[in-house]
């Protein structure tokens, strides 16, 4: 029986499976602007052959590591031959929420707060949340805002923040072993049938800013270095 397409995303399509789970089909599209990749952009900027495959490979690697650390994710299994990942059902917060953890002051953080901080300055696993809304440029929202708007409870936010910092440390430590420095990383979360916060979406080179010897590493090069 044909899997039912339930959502067409920028970098993945989502299908409903007969067993109640979902199937994510990874695509070769990445976000960016004017043909240049940018993990912080809101639209598909370019297509890179093979990026779906490497994004899935990295996601499998980290999801298995995070699950083993006792942190809840939606990951069940993956099929590299078909570039798909089976996941448990999870409801997104609101109409979609992105959670960024920052170790260095770069990107949109620097654009906003550059008069207060130097570029590349250390940040203490700083967590911020933005609504996924292309038209509004993914507006920032505070913990209080999320609670007031009914998007999540204080407890869910605190759980999400703690998970974000733990997961970021797992990713950063792994990259550091390969001589790579994580500047920031973007996650998405949802909640399961019991209201528990779980990590969803993917953990791929396209969702992180990584540097080597002070120079930015583009996602495809990062994937090659990671799996070398």
N, C-alpha and C. Protein backbone atom coordinates (compact mmCIF):
# COMPACT_ATOMS: atom_id res chain seq x y z
N UNK A 1 0.84 -1.20 0.00
CA UNK A 1 0.00 0.00 0.00
C UNK A 1 0.88 1.26 0.00
N UNK A 2 0.45 2.26 -0.74
CA UNK A 2 1.20 3.50 -0.88
C UNK A 2 1.17 4.27 0.44
N UNK A 3 2.35 4.76 0.88
CA UNK A 3 2.37 5.60 2.08
C UNK A 3 1.70 6.93 1.77
N UNK A 4 0.99 7.47 2.75
CA UNK A 4 0.22 8.69 2.54
C UNK A 4 1.05 9.92 2.87
N UNK A 5 1.22 10.80 1.88
CA UNK A 5 1.96 12.05 2.09
C UNK A 5 1.12 12.98 2.96
N UNK A 6 1.68 13.38 4.11
CA UNK A 6 0.92 14.26 5.01
C UNK A 6 1.50 15.68 5.08
N UNK A 7 2.77 15.82 4.69
CA UNK A 7 3.38 17.14 4.77
C UNK A 7 4.58 17.23 3.83
N UNK A 8 4.65 18.32 3.09
CA UNK A 8 5.80 18.58 2.22
C UNK A 8 6.62 19.70 2.83
N UNK A 9 7.83 19.37 3.29
CA UNK A 9 8.69 20.36 3.94
C UNK A 9 9.79 20.86 3.01
N UNK A 10 10.60 21.79 3.51
CA UNK A 10 11.68 22.35 2.70
C UNK A 10 12.75 21.31 2.41
N UNK A 11 13.09 20.52 3.43
CA UNK A 11 14.19 19.57 3.26
C UNK A 11 13.77 18.11 3.43
N UNK A 12 12.47 17.90 3.81
CA UNK A 12 11.96 16.54 3.99
C UNK A 12 10.47 16.49 3.69
N UNK A 13 10.01 15.33 3.23
CA UNK A 13 8.57 15.07 3.13
C UNK A 13 8.19 14.07 4.21
N UNK A 14 6.95 14.15 4.70
CA UNK A 14 6.49 13.29 5.79
C UNK A 14 5.33 12.43 5.30
N UNK A 15 5.44 11.13 5.55
CA UNK A 15 4.40 10.19 5.15
C UNK A 15 3.85 9.46 6.37
N UNK A 16 2.56 9.14 6.33
CA UNK A 16 1.93 8.36 7.41
C UNK A 16 2.06 6.88 7.08
N UNK A 17 2.47 6.07 8.06
CA UNK A 17 2.59 4.63 7.88
C UNK A 17 1.38 3.92 8.49
N UNK A 18 1.12 2.71 8.00
CA UNK A 18 -0.04 1.95 8.49
C UNK A 18 0.08 1.60 9.98
N UNK A 19 1.32 1.50 10.49
CA UNK A 19 1.52 1.12 11.89
C UNK A 19 1.35 2.29 12.86
N UNK A 20 0.97 3.47 12.33
CA UNK A 20 0.76 4.64 13.19
C UNK A 20 1.96 5.55 13.32
N UNK A 21 3.11 5.08 12.84
CA UNK A 21 4.31 5.91 12.86
C UNK A 21 4.39 6.78 11.60
N UNK A 22 5.45 7.56 11.51
CA UNK A 22 5.64 8.40 10.33
C UNK A 22 6.97 8.09 9.66
N UNK A 23 7.04 8.41 8.39
CA UNK A 23 8.26 8.19 7.61
C UNK A 23 8.73 9.54 7.08
N UNK A 24 9.99 9.88 7.37
CA UNK A 24 10.57 11.11 6.84
C UNK A 24 11.43 10.77 5.64
N UNK A 25 11.17 11.41 4.52
CA UNK A 25 11.96 11.22 3.30
C UNK A 25 12.85 12.44 3.12
N UNK A 26 14.16 12.23 3.23
CA UNK A 26 15.12 13.34 3.15
C UNK A 26 15.35 13.75 1.70
N UNK A 27 15.39 15.08 1.47
CA UNK A 27 15.59 15.62 0.12
C UNK A 27 16.98 16.26 0.00
N UNK A 28 17.34 16.60 -1.23
CA UNK A 28 18.65 17.23 -1.48
C UNK A 28 18.56 18.75 -1.48
N UNK A 29 17.49 19.30 -0.88
CA UNK A 29 17.33 20.75 -0.81
C UNK A 29 17.84 21.27 0.53
N UNK A 30 18.47 22.45 0.51
CA UNK A 30 18.94 23.08 1.74
C UNK A 30 18.48 24.54 1.78
N UNK A 31 18.40 25.10 2.98
CA UNK A 31 17.99 26.49 3.11
C UNK A 31 19.15 27.42 2.79
N UNK A 32 18.79 28.59 2.28
CA UNK A 32 19.82 29.57 1.94
C UNK A 32 19.22 30.74 1.19
N UNK A 33 20.10 31.57 0.67
CA UNK A 33 19.65 32.76 -0.05
C UNK A 33 20.63 33.04 -1.18
N UNK A 34 20.08 33.36 -2.35
CA UNK A 34 20.91 33.69 -3.52
C UNK A 34 21.94 32.61 -3.82
N UNK A 35 21.52 31.35 -3.67
CA UNK A 35 22.38 30.23 -4.01
C UNK A 35 23.46 29.93 -2.99
N UNK A 36 23.39 30.56 -1.82
CA UNK A 36 24.39 30.32 -0.76
C UNK A 36 23.70 29.70 0.44
N UNK A 37 24.23 28.59 0.94
CA UNK A 37 23.65 27.91 2.09
C UNK A 37 23.69 28.79 3.33
N UNK A 38 22.58 28.77 4.10
CA UNK A 38 22.53 29.44 5.39
C UNK A 38 21.51 28.71 6.25
N UNK A 39 21.96 28.06 7.37
CA UNK A 39 21.03 27.30 8.20
C UNK A 39 19.95 28.19 8.81
N UNK A 40 20.20 29.49 8.91
CA UNK A 40 19.23 30.39 9.52
C UNK A 40 18.21 30.95 8.55
N UNK A 41 18.34 30.65 7.26
CA UNK A 41 17.40 31.19 6.27
C UNK A 41 16.07 30.44 6.32
N UNK A 42 15.03 31.11 5.80
CA UNK A 42 13.67 30.56 5.88
C UNK A 42 13.20 29.87 4.62
N UNK A 43 13.98 29.92 3.56
CA UNK A 43 13.53 29.32 2.31
C UNK A 43 14.62 28.43 1.71
N UNK A 44 14.18 27.54 0.81
CA UNK A 44 15.14 26.67 0.13
C UNK A 44 15.97 27.53 -0.81
N UNK A 45 17.29 27.48 -0.66
CA UNK A 45 18.15 28.33 -1.46
C UNK A 45 18.83 27.60 -2.59
N UNK A 46 19.06 26.29 -2.40
CA UNK A 46 19.75 25.53 -3.43
C UNK A 46 19.58 24.03 -3.19
N UNK A 47 19.90 23.28 -4.22
CA UNK A 47 19.86 21.82 -4.14
C UNK A 47 21.28 21.30 -4.26
N UNK A 48 21.67 20.43 -3.34
CA UNK A 48 23.02 19.86 -3.36
C UNK A 48 22.88 18.35 -3.46
N UNK A 49 23.39 17.77 -4.54
CA UNK A 49 23.29 16.32 -4.72
C UNK A 49 23.89 15.57 -3.54
N UNK A 50 23.14 14.64 -2.98
CA UNK A 50 23.66 13.80 -1.92
C UNK A 50 23.49 14.35 -0.53
N UNK A 51 22.97 15.57 -0.40
CA UNK A 51 22.88 16.17 0.93
C UNK A 51 21.84 15.44 1.78
N UNK A 52 20.77 14.94 1.15
CA UNK A 52 19.76 14.18 1.90
C UNK A 52 20.36 12.94 2.53
N UNK A 53 21.21 12.27 1.78
CA UNK A 53 21.86 11.04 2.27
C UNK A 53 22.77 11.33 3.47
N UNK A 54 23.61 12.36 3.35
CA UNK A 54 24.54 12.64 4.44
C UNK A 54 23.81 13.20 5.66
N UNK A 55 22.72 13.95 5.43
CA UNK A 55 21.94 14.45 6.56
C UNK A 55 21.30 13.30 7.32
N UNK A 56 20.82 12.30 6.59
CA UNK A 56 20.23 11.13 7.24
C UNK A 56 21.30 10.36 8.00
N UNK A 57 22.46 10.17 7.38
CA UNK A 57 23.55 9.44 8.06
C UNK A 57 23.94 10.09 9.38
N UNK A 58 24.08 11.42 9.35
CA UNK A 58 24.46 12.12 10.57
C UNK A 58 23.34 12.07 11.60
N UNK A 59 22.09 12.17 11.12
CA UNK A 59 20.94 12.09 12.03
C UNK A 59 20.89 10.74 12.73
N UNK A 60 21.10 9.66 11.97
CA UNK A 60 21.11 8.31 12.56
C UNK A 60 22.18 8.24 13.65
N UNK A 61 23.37 8.71 13.31
CA UNK A 61 24.51 8.65 14.23
C UNK A 61 24.18 9.34 15.56
N UNK A 62 23.65 10.58 15.47
CA UNK A 62 23.41 11.33 16.69
C UNK A 62 22.14 10.88 17.42
N UNK A 63 21.08 10.55 16.69
CA UNK A 63 19.87 10.08 17.36
C UNK A 63 20.16 8.82 18.18
N UNK A 64 20.93 7.91 17.62
CA UNK A 64 21.25 6.68 18.35
C UNK A 64 22.07 7.01 19.61
N UNK A 65 22.97 7.97 19.48
CA UNK A 65 23.81 8.37 20.62
C UNK A 65 22.96 9.07 21.70
N UNK A 66 22.04 9.91 21.26
CA UNK A 66 21.18 10.66 22.20
C UNK A 66 20.20 9.71 22.89
N UNK A 67 19.61 8.79 22.12
CA UNK A 67 18.73 7.79 22.72
C UNK A 67 19.48 6.98 23.78
N UNK A 68 20.72 6.60 23.45
CA UNK A 68 21.54 5.81 24.37
C UNK A 68 21.85 6.59 25.65
N UNK A 69 21.85 7.92 25.56
CA UNK A 69 22.11 8.77 26.73
C UNK A 69 20.85 8.98 27.56
N UNK A 70 19.74 8.35 27.13
CA UNK A 70 18.50 8.44 27.90
C UNK A 70 17.68 9.69 27.63
N UNK A 71 17.97 10.37 26.52
CA UNK A 71 17.21 11.57 26.14
C UNK A 71 16.18 11.17 25.09
N UNK A 72 14.94 11.60 25.26
CA UNK A 72 13.84 11.15 24.40
C UNK A 72 13.86 11.82 23.02
N UNK A 73 13.78 10.99 21.98
CA UNK A 73 13.68 11.49 20.60
C UNK A 73 12.58 10.72 19.87
N UNK A 74 12.28 11.16 18.65
CA UNK A 74 11.25 10.47 17.87
C UNK A 74 11.83 9.34 17.01
N UNK A 75 13.13 9.16 17.05
CA UNK A 75 13.81 8.22 16.15
C UNK A 75 13.52 6.76 16.48
N UNK A 76 13.17 5.98 15.45
CA UNK A 76 13.01 4.53 15.60
C UNK A 76 14.07 3.80 14.79
N UNK A 77 14.08 4.05 13.49
CA UNK A 77 15.02 3.36 12.60
C UNK A 77 15.17 4.15 11.30
N UNK A 78 16.08 3.70 10.45
CA UNK A 78 16.30 4.41 9.18
C UNK A 78 16.62 3.43 8.07
N UNK A 79 16.41 3.87 6.84
CA UNK A 79 16.70 3.08 5.65
C UNK A 79 17.53 3.95 4.72
N UNK A 80 18.85 3.73 4.72
CA UNK A 80 19.75 4.56 3.92
C UNK A 80 19.50 4.40 2.42
N UNK A 81 19.11 3.18 2.01
CA UNK A 81 18.89 2.93 0.58
C UNK A 81 17.79 3.83 0.02
N UNK A 82 16.78 4.14 0.86
CA UNK A 82 15.66 4.97 0.41
C UNK A 82 15.68 6.37 1.02
N UNK A 83 16.74 6.68 1.75
CA UNK A 83 16.90 7.98 2.42
C UNK A 83 15.68 8.31 3.28
N UNK A 84 15.24 7.33 4.08
CA UNK A 84 14.07 7.55 4.93
C UNK A 84 14.38 7.21 6.39
N UNK A 85 13.59 7.81 7.27
CA UNK A 85 13.72 7.57 8.70
C UNK A 85 12.32 7.37 9.28
N UNK A 86 12.13 6.27 10.04
CA UNK A 86 10.84 6.03 10.70
C UNK A 86 10.88 6.65 12.08
N UNK A 87 9.80 7.37 12.42
CA UNK A 87 9.75 8.08 13.70
C UNK A 87 8.40 7.88 14.37
N UNK A 88 8.38 8.06 15.70
CA UNK A 88 7.10 7.97 16.41
C UNK A 88 6.33 9.27 16.21
N UNK A 89 5.00 9.23 16.32
CA UNK A 89 4.21 10.45 16.16
C UNK A 89 4.53 11.47 17.26
N UNK A 90 4.63 12.71 16.88
CA UNK A 90 4.84 13.80 17.84
C UNK A 90 4.14 15.04 17.32
N UNK A 91 3.53 15.77 18.22
CA UNK A 91 2.89 17.02 17.83
C UNK A 91 3.88 18.16 18.02
N UNK A 92 3.97 19.05 17.03
CA UNK A 92 4.88 20.19 17.20
C UNK A 92 4.30 21.19 18.19
N UNK A 93 5.16 22.02 18.75
CA UNK A 93 4.68 23.09 19.63
C UNK A 93 4.17 24.24 18.77
N UNK A 94 2.94 24.64 19.00
CA UNK A 94 2.33 25.71 18.22
C UNK A 94 2.30 25.33 16.75
N UNK A 95 2.69 26.27 15.91
CA UNK A 95 2.76 26.02 14.46
C UNK A 95 4.19 25.75 14.04
N UNK A 96 5.02 25.35 15.01
CA UNK A 96 6.42 25.05 14.72
C UNK A 96 7.34 25.97 15.49
N UNK A 97 8.28 25.38 16.20
CA UNK A 97 9.20 26.13 17.05
C UNK A 97 10.62 25.64 16.79
N UNK A 98 11.55 26.58 16.63
CA UNK A 98 12.95 26.21 16.48
C UNK A 98 13.70 26.63 17.73
N UNK A 99 14.60 25.76 18.17
CA UNK A 99 15.37 26.00 19.39
C UNK A 99 16.85 26.02 19.00
N UNK A 100 17.50 27.13 19.30
CA UNK A 100 18.91 27.28 18.92
C UNK A 100 19.76 27.28 20.19
N UNK A 101 20.85 26.55 20.16
CA UNK A 101 21.82 26.59 21.27
C UNK A 101 23.11 27.16 20.72
N UNK A 102 23.63 28.19 21.39
CA UNK A 102 24.78 28.92 20.87
C UNK A 102 25.99 28.83 21.81
N UNK A 103 27.12 28.46 21.24
CA UNK A 103 28.39 28.47 21.97
C UNK A 103 29.23 29.69 21.62
N UNK A 104 28.92 30.31 20.47
CA UNK A 104 29.68 31.49 20.02
C UNK A 104 28.71 32.54 19.46
N UNK A 105 29.12 33.79 19.57
CA UNK A 105 28.29 34.90 19.09
C UNK A 105 28.53 35.12 17.59
N UNK A 106 27.66 34.51 16.79
CA UNK A 106 27.71 34.68 15.33
C UNK A 106 26.28 34.72 14.79
N UNK A 107 26.17 34.91 13.48
CA UNK A 107 24.86 34.83 12.81
C UNK A 107 23.86 35.85 13.32
N UNK A 108 22.60 35.43 13.45
CA UNK A 108 21.53 36.35 13.82
C UNK A 108 21.73 36.90 15.25
N UNK A 109 22.36 36.11 16.11
CA UNK A 109 22.64 36.59 17.47
C UNK A 109 23.53 37.84 17.41
N UNK A 110 24.57 37.77 16.60
CA UNK A 110 25.50 38.91 16.46
C UNK A 110 24.81 40.10 15.78
N UNK A 111 23.94 39.80 14.81
CA UNK A 111 23.22 40.89 14.13
C UNK A 111 22.34 41.65 15.12
N UNK A 112 21.74 40.92 16.04
CA UNK A 112 20.86 41.54 17.02
C UNK A 112 21.62 42.27 18.12
N UNK A 113 22.69 41.64 18.61
CA UNK A 113 23.32 42.12 19.84
C UNK A 113 24.77 42.56 19.66
N UNK A 114 25.17 42.82 18.42
CA UNK A 114 26.56 43.16 18.12
C UNK A 114 27.11 44.36 18.87
N UNK A 115 26.24 45.27 19.31
CA UNK A 115 26.75 46.44 20.05
C UNK A 115 27.12 46.08 21.50
N UNK A 116 26.78 44.83 21.89
CA UNK A 116 27.07 44.40 23.27
C UNK A 116 28.13 43.31 23.35
N UNK A 117 28.48 42.73 22.22
CA UNK A 117 29.37 41.56 22.27
C UNK A 117 30.22 41.47 21.01
N UNK A 118 31.40 40.94 21.15
CA UNK A 118 32.31 40.79 20.01
C UNK A 118 31.94 39.55 19.19
N UNK A 119 32.21 39.60 17.90
CA UNK A 119 31.97 38.44 17.04
C UNK A 119 32.82 37.26 17.50
N UNK A 120 32.18 36.08 17.61
CA UNK A 120 32.90 34.88 18.00
C UNK A 120 33.13 34.72 19.49
N UNK A 121 32.60 35.67 20.29
CA UNK A 121 32.77 35.57 21.75
C UNK A 121 32.06 34.31 22.27
N UNK A 122 32.59 33.76 23.34
CA UNK A 122 32.01 32.55 23.93
C UNK A 122 30.64 32.85 24.55
N UNK A 123 29.72 31.90 24.38
CA UNK A 123 28.40 31.97 25.01
C UNK A 123 28.21 30.68 25.81
N UNK A 124 27.51 30.75 26.96
CA UNK A 124 27.38 29.58 27.84
C UNK A 124 26.24 28.66 27.45
N UNK A 125 26.33 27.99 26.29
CA UNK A 125 25.24 27.13 25.81
C UNK A 125 23.92 27.89 25.89
N UNK A 126 23.93 29.09 25.31
CA UNK A 126 22.79 30.01 25.32
C UNK A 126 21.66 29.45 24.46
N UNK A 127 20.46 29.36 25.06
CA UNK A 127 19.32 28.78 24.35
C UNK A 127 18.32 29.87 24.00
N UNK A 128 17.88 29.89 22.74
CA UNK A 128 16.82 30.82 22.35
C UNK A 128 15.81 30.09 21.48
N UNK A 129 14.59 30.61 21.46
CA UNK A 129 13.51 29.97 20.70
C UNK A 129 12.92 30.95 19.70
N UNK A 130 12.61 30.45 18.51
CA UNK A 130 11.97 31.27 17.48
C UNK A 130 10.79 30.50 16.89
N UNK A 131 9.74 31.23 16.53
CA UNK A 131 8.61 30.62 15.84
C UNK A 131 8.97 30.39 14.37
N UNK A 132 8.60 29.26 13.83
CA UNK A 132 8.81 29.02 12.40
C UNK A 132 7.75 29.79 11.64
N UNK A 133 8.15 30.92 11.09
CA UNK A 133 7.22 31.75 10.33
C UNK A 133 8.03 32.55 9.31
N UNK A 134 8.03 32.05 8.07
CA UNK A 134 8.83 32.68 7.02
C UNK A 134 8.47 34.15 6.82
N UNK A 135 7.17 34.44 6.80
CA UNK A 135 6.71 35.80 6.50
C UNK A 135 7.20 36.80 7.55
N UNK A 136 7.31 36.35 8.80
CA UNK A 136 7.75 37.24 9.88
C UNK A 136 9.23 37.11 10.19
N UNK A 137 9.94 36.29 9.41
CA UNK A 137 11.38 36.12 9.62
C UNK A 137 11.72 35.37 10.88
N UNK A 138 10.92 34.36 11.22
CA UNK A 138 11.15 33.51 12.40
C UNK A 138 11.38 34.35 13.66
N UNK A 139 10.31 35.00 14.18
CA UNK A 139 10.48 35.89 15.34
C UNK A 139 10.91 35.18 16.61
N UNK A 140 11.77 35.85 17.37
CA UNK A 140 12.19 35.35 18.67
C UNK A 140 10.99 35.33 19.62
N UNK A 141 10.97 34.34 20.53
CA UNK A 141 9.92 34.30 21.55
C UNK A 141 10.56 33.82 22.86
N UNK A 142 10.19 34.46 23.96
CA UNK A 142 10.76 34.12 25.26
C UNK A 142 9.98 32.97 25.91
N UNK A 143 10.54 32.44 26.99
CA UNK A 143 9.84 31.41 27.77
C UNK A 143 8.48 31.94 28.22
N UNK A 144 8.45 33.15 28.78
CA UNK A 144 7.19 33.73 29.24
C UNK A 144 6.19 33.86 28.09
N UNK A 145 6.71 34.25 26.92
CA UNK A 145 5.84 34.37 25.74
C UNK A 145 5.22 33.04 25.36
N UNK A 146 6.02 31.99 25.36
CA UNK A 146 5.53 30.66 25.00
C UNK A 146 4.44 30.20 25.96
N UNK A 147 4.62 30.50 27.25
CA UNK A 147 3.64 30.10 28.26
C UNK A 147 2.36 30.93 28.12
N UNK A 148 2.50 32.25 28.00
CA UNK A 148 1.35 33.15 27.86
C UNK A 148 0.52 32.80 26.62
N UNK A 149 1.20 32.45 25.53
CA UNK A 149 0.52 32.13 24.28
C UNK A 149 -0.07 30.72 24.26
N UNK A 150 0.20 29.95 25.33
CA UNK A 150 -0.35 28.60 25.40
C UNK A 150 0.35 27.61 24.51
N UNK A 151 1.57 27.93 24.07
CA UNK A 151 2.32 27.03 23.18
C UNK A 151 2.91 25.86 23.97
N UNK A 152 3.38 26.15 25.19
CA UNK A 152 3.91 25.09 26.05
C UNK A 152 3.83 25.54 27.50
N UNK A 153 3.98 24.59 28.41
CA UNK A 153 3.99 24.91 29.84
C UNK A 153 5.40 25.29 30.26
N UNK A 154 5.51 25.88 31.45
CA UNK A 154 6.84 26.21 31.99
C UNK A 154 7.68 24.94 32.12
N UNK A 155 7.04 23.86 32.57
CA UNK A 155 7.75 22.59 32.77
C UNK A 155 8.27 22.05 31.44
N UNK A 156 7.44 22.15 30.40
CA UNK A 156 7.87 21.68 29.08
C UNK A 156 9.04 22.52 28.57
N UNK A 157 8.99 23.83 28.81
CA UNK A 157 10.10 24.69 28.37
C UNK A 157 11.39 24.32 29.11
N UNK A 158 11.28 24.17 30.42
CA UNK A 158 12.47 23.84 31.22
C UNK A 158 13.08 22.51 30.78
N UNK A 159 12.20 21.54 30.50
CA UNK A 159 12.65 20.23 30.02
C UNK A 159 13.36 20.38 28.67
N UNK A 160 12.76 21.17 27.78
CA UNK A 160 13.31 21.38 26.44
C UNK A 160 14.67 22.07 26.51
N UNK A 161 14.80 23.06 27.39
CA UNK A 161 16.07 23.78 27.52
C UNK A 161 17.17 22.84 28.04
N UNK A 162 16.83 22.06 29.05
CA UNK A 162 17.81 21.13 29.62
C UNK A 162 18.24 20.10 28.58
N UNK A 163 17.26 19.57 27.84
CA UNK A 163 17.57 18.59 26.78
C UNK A 163 18.47 19.22 25.73
N UNK A 164 18.15 20.45 25.34
CA UNK A 164 18.92 21.15 24.31
C UNK A 164 20.38 21.28 24.71
N UNK A 165 20.64 21.68 25.95
CA UNK A 165 22.02 21.86 26.40
C UNK A 165 22.76 20.52 26.49
N UNK A 166 22.06 19.46 26.92
CA UNK A 166 22.68 18.14 26.98
C UNK A 166 23.01 17.61 25.58
N UNK A 167 22.05 17.76 24.66
CA UNK A 167 22.26 17.26 23.29
C UNK A 167 23.37 18.04 22.60
N UNK A 168 23.38 19.36 22.81
CA UNK A 168 24.41 20.20 22.21
C UNK A 168 25.79 19.77 22.69
N UNK A 169 25.90 19.44 23.96
CA UNK A 169 27.20 18.98 24.50
C UNK A 169 27.62 17.67 23.84
N UNK A 170 26.67 16.75 23.64
CA UNK A 170 26.98 15.48 22.98
C UNK A 170 27.53 15.74 21.57
N UNK A 171 26.84 16.61 20.83
CA UNK A 171 27.26 16.92 19.45
C UNK A 171 28.60 17.65 19.45
N UNK A 172 28.74 18.66 20.31
CA UNK A 172 29.97 19.47 20.34
C UNK A 172 31.18 18.63 20.73
N UNK A 173 31.01 17.76 21.74
CA UNK A 173 32.13 16.91 22.18
C UNK A 173 32.58 15.98 21.06
N UNK A 174 31.60 15.45 20.34
CA UNK A 174 31.89 14.53 19.23
C UNK A 174 32.67 15.25 18.13
N UNK A 175 32.22 16.45 17.79
CA UNK A 175 32.88 17.24 16.75
C UNK A 175 34.30 17.62 17.17
N UNK A 176 34.44 17.96 18.46
CA UNK A 176 35.74 18.39 18.96
C UNK A 176 36.80 17.30 18.83
N UNK A 177 36.36 16.05 18.98
CA UNK A 177 37.29 14.91 18.81
C UNK A 177 37.86 14.87 17.39
N UNK A 178 37.14 15.48 16.45
CA UNK A 178 37.57 15.51 15.04
C UNK A 178 38.19 16.87 14.69
N UNK A 179 38.49 17.66 15.72
CA UNK A 179 39.11 18.97 15.48
C UNK A 179 38.15 20.02 14.97
N UNK A 180 36.85 19.80 15.20
CA UNK A 180 35.82 20.71 14.72
C UNK A 180 35.15 21.41 15.90
N UNK A 181 34.86 22.70 15.75
CA UNK A 181 34.26 23.47 16.85
C UNK A 181 32.84 23.89 16.48
N UNK A 182 31.89 23.50 17.33
CA UNK A 182 30.49 23.85 17.12
C UNK A 182 30.22 25.26 17.63
N UNK A 183 29.73 26.14 16.75
CA UNK A 183 29.39 27.51 17.16
C UNK A 183 27.92 27.60 17.58
N UNK A 184 27.04 27.00 16.78
CA UNK A 184 25.63 26.95 17.17
C UNK A 184 24.93 25.82 16.44
N UNK A 185 23.75 25.45 16.94
CA UNK A 185 23.00 24.33 16.38
C UNK A 185 21.51 24.57 16.59
N UNK A 186 20.72 24.11 15.64
CA UNK A 186 19.28 24.33 15.66
C UNK A 186 18.54 23.00 15.82
N UNK A 187 17.58 22.97 16.73
CA UNK A 187 16.78 21.76 16.97
C UNK A 187 15.30 22.06 16.81
N UNK A 188 14.53 20.99 16.68
CA UNK A 188 13.07 21.10 16.78
C UNK A 188 12.57 20.06 17.76
N UNK A 189 11.53 20.43 18.50
CA UNK A 189 10.94 19.53 19.47
C UNK A 189 9.45 19.41 19.25
N UNK A 190 8.91 18.30 19.75
CA UNK A 190 7.47 18.11 19.78
C UNK A 190 7.14 17.46 21.10
N UNK A 191 5.90 16.99 21.22
CA UNK A 191 5.54 16.26 22.44
C UNK A 191 4.75 15.02 22.07
N UNK A 192 4.94 13.96 22.86
CA UNK A 192 4.27 12.69 22.58
C UNK A 192 2.87 12.68 23.18
N UNK A 193 2.20 11.53 23.12
CA UNK A 193 0.81 11.41 23.57
C UNK A 193 0.65 11.75 25.05
N UNK A 194 1.74 11.61 25.82
CA UNK A 194 1.67 11.91 27.26
C UNK A 194 2.12 13.34 27.60
N UNK A 195 2.42 14.12 26.56
CA UNK A 195 2.86 15.50 26.79
C UNK A 195 4.34 15.65 27.07
N UNK A 196 5.10 14.55 26.95
CA UNK A 196 6.54 14.60 27.18
C UNK A 196 7.25 15.25 25.99
N UNK A 197 8.22 16.09 26.29
CA UNK A 197 8.99 16.75 25.23
C UNK A 197 9.95 15.76 24.61
N UNK A 198 9.96 15.70 23.27
CA UNK A 198 10.90 14.82 22.57
C UNK A 198 11.55 15.57 21.41
N UNK A 199 12.80 15.22 21.14
CA UNK A 199 13.53 15.80 20.02
C UNK A 199 13.00 15.22 18.71
N UNK A 200 12.68 16.09 17.75
CA UNK A 200 12.16 15.63 16.45
C UNK A 200 13.03 16.17 15.32
N UNK A 201 12.56 16.00 14.10
CA UNK A 201 13.24 16.52 12.90
C UNK A 201 14.55 15.78 12.66
N UNK A 202 15.67 16.49 12.54
CA UNK A 202 16.95 15.86 12.19
C UNK A 202 18.08 16.52 12.97
N UNK A 203 19.24 15.86 12.97
CA UNK A 203 20.46 16.47 13.51
C UNK A 203 21.50 16.32 12.42
N UNK A 204 21.62 17.34 11.60
CA UNK A 204 22.47 17.22 10.42
C UNK A 204 23.36 18.44 10.27
N UNK A 205 24.34 18.32 9.38
CA UNK A 205 25.31 19.40 9.17
C UNK A 205 24.62 20.69 8.74
N UNK A 206 23.47 20.57 8.08
CA UNK A 206 22.73 21.75 7.63
C UNK A 206 22.08 22.53 8.75
N UNK A 207 22.06 21.95 9.96
CA UNK A 207 21.43 22.61 11.10
C UNK A 207 22.44 23.17 12.09
N UNK A 208 23.72 23.13 11.72
CA UNK A 208 24.74 23.59 12.66
C UNK A 208 25.79 24.45 11.97
N UNK A 209 26.40 25.34 12.77
CA UNK A 209 27.51 26.14 12.27
C UNK A 209 28.77 25.59 12.91
N UNK A 210 29.68 25.11 12.09
CA UNK A 210 30.89 24.48 12.61
C UNK A 210 32.13 25.11 11.97
N UNK A 211 33.17 25.28 12.79
CA UNK A 211 34.42 25.89 12.31
C UNK A 211 35.59 24.95 12.56
N UNK A 212 36.59 25.06 11.72
CA UNK A 212 37.85 24.31 11.90
C UNK A 212 38.99 25.29 11.71
N UNK A 213 39.86 25.38 12.69
CA UNK A 213 40.98 26.33 12.64
C UNK A 213 40.50 27.75 12.34
N UNK A 214 39.36 28.11 12.96
CA UNK A 214 38.84 29.46 12.80
C UNK A 214 38.11 29.73 11.51
N UNK A 215 37.97 28.72 10.66
CA UNK A 215 37.28 28.92 9.37
C UNK A 215 35.99 28.12 9.32
N UNK A 216 34.95 28.75 8.78
CA UNK A 216 33.64 28.11 8.66
C UNK A 216 33.68 26.92 7.70
N UNK A 217 33.04 25.84 8.08
CA UNK A 217 32.99 24.63 7.24
C UNK A 217 31.58 24.48 6.68
N UNK A 218 31.45 24.43 5.35
CA UNK A 218 30.11 24.29 4.76
C UNK A 218 29.58 22.87 5.03
N UNK A 219 28.25 22.69 4.95
CA UNK A 219 27.64 21.42 5.37
C UNK A 219 28.17 20.17 4.67
N UNK A 220 28.37 20.23 3.37
CA UNK A 220 28.84 19.03 2.67
C UNK A 220 30.26 18.69 3.08
N UNK A 221 31.12 19.71 3.20
CA UNK A 221 32.50 19.48 3.66
C UNK A 221 32.49 18.94 5.09
N UNK A 222 31.60 19.50 5.92
CA UNK A 222 31.49 19.04 7.30
C UNK A 222 31.11 17.55 7.35
N UNK A 223 30.15 17.17 6.54
CA UNK A 223 29.74 15.76 6.50
C UNK A 223 30.89 14.86 6.07
N UNK A 224 31.65 15.34 5.08
CA UNK A 224 32.80 14.54 4.61
C UNK A 224 33.85 14.40 5.70
N UNK A 225 34.13 15.49 6.41
CA UNK A 225 35.10 15.47 7.50
C UNK A 225 34.61 14.59 8.64
N UNK A 226 33.32 14.66 8.90
CA UNK A 226 32.73 13.92 10.02
C UNK A 226 32.83 12.41 9.81
N UNK A 227 32.57 11.99 8.58
CA UNK A 227 32.56 10.56 8.29
C UNK A 227 33.87 10.05 7.69
N UNK A 228 34.89 10.91 7.67
CA UNK A 228 36.19 10.51 7.09
C UNK A 228 36.84 9.44 7.94
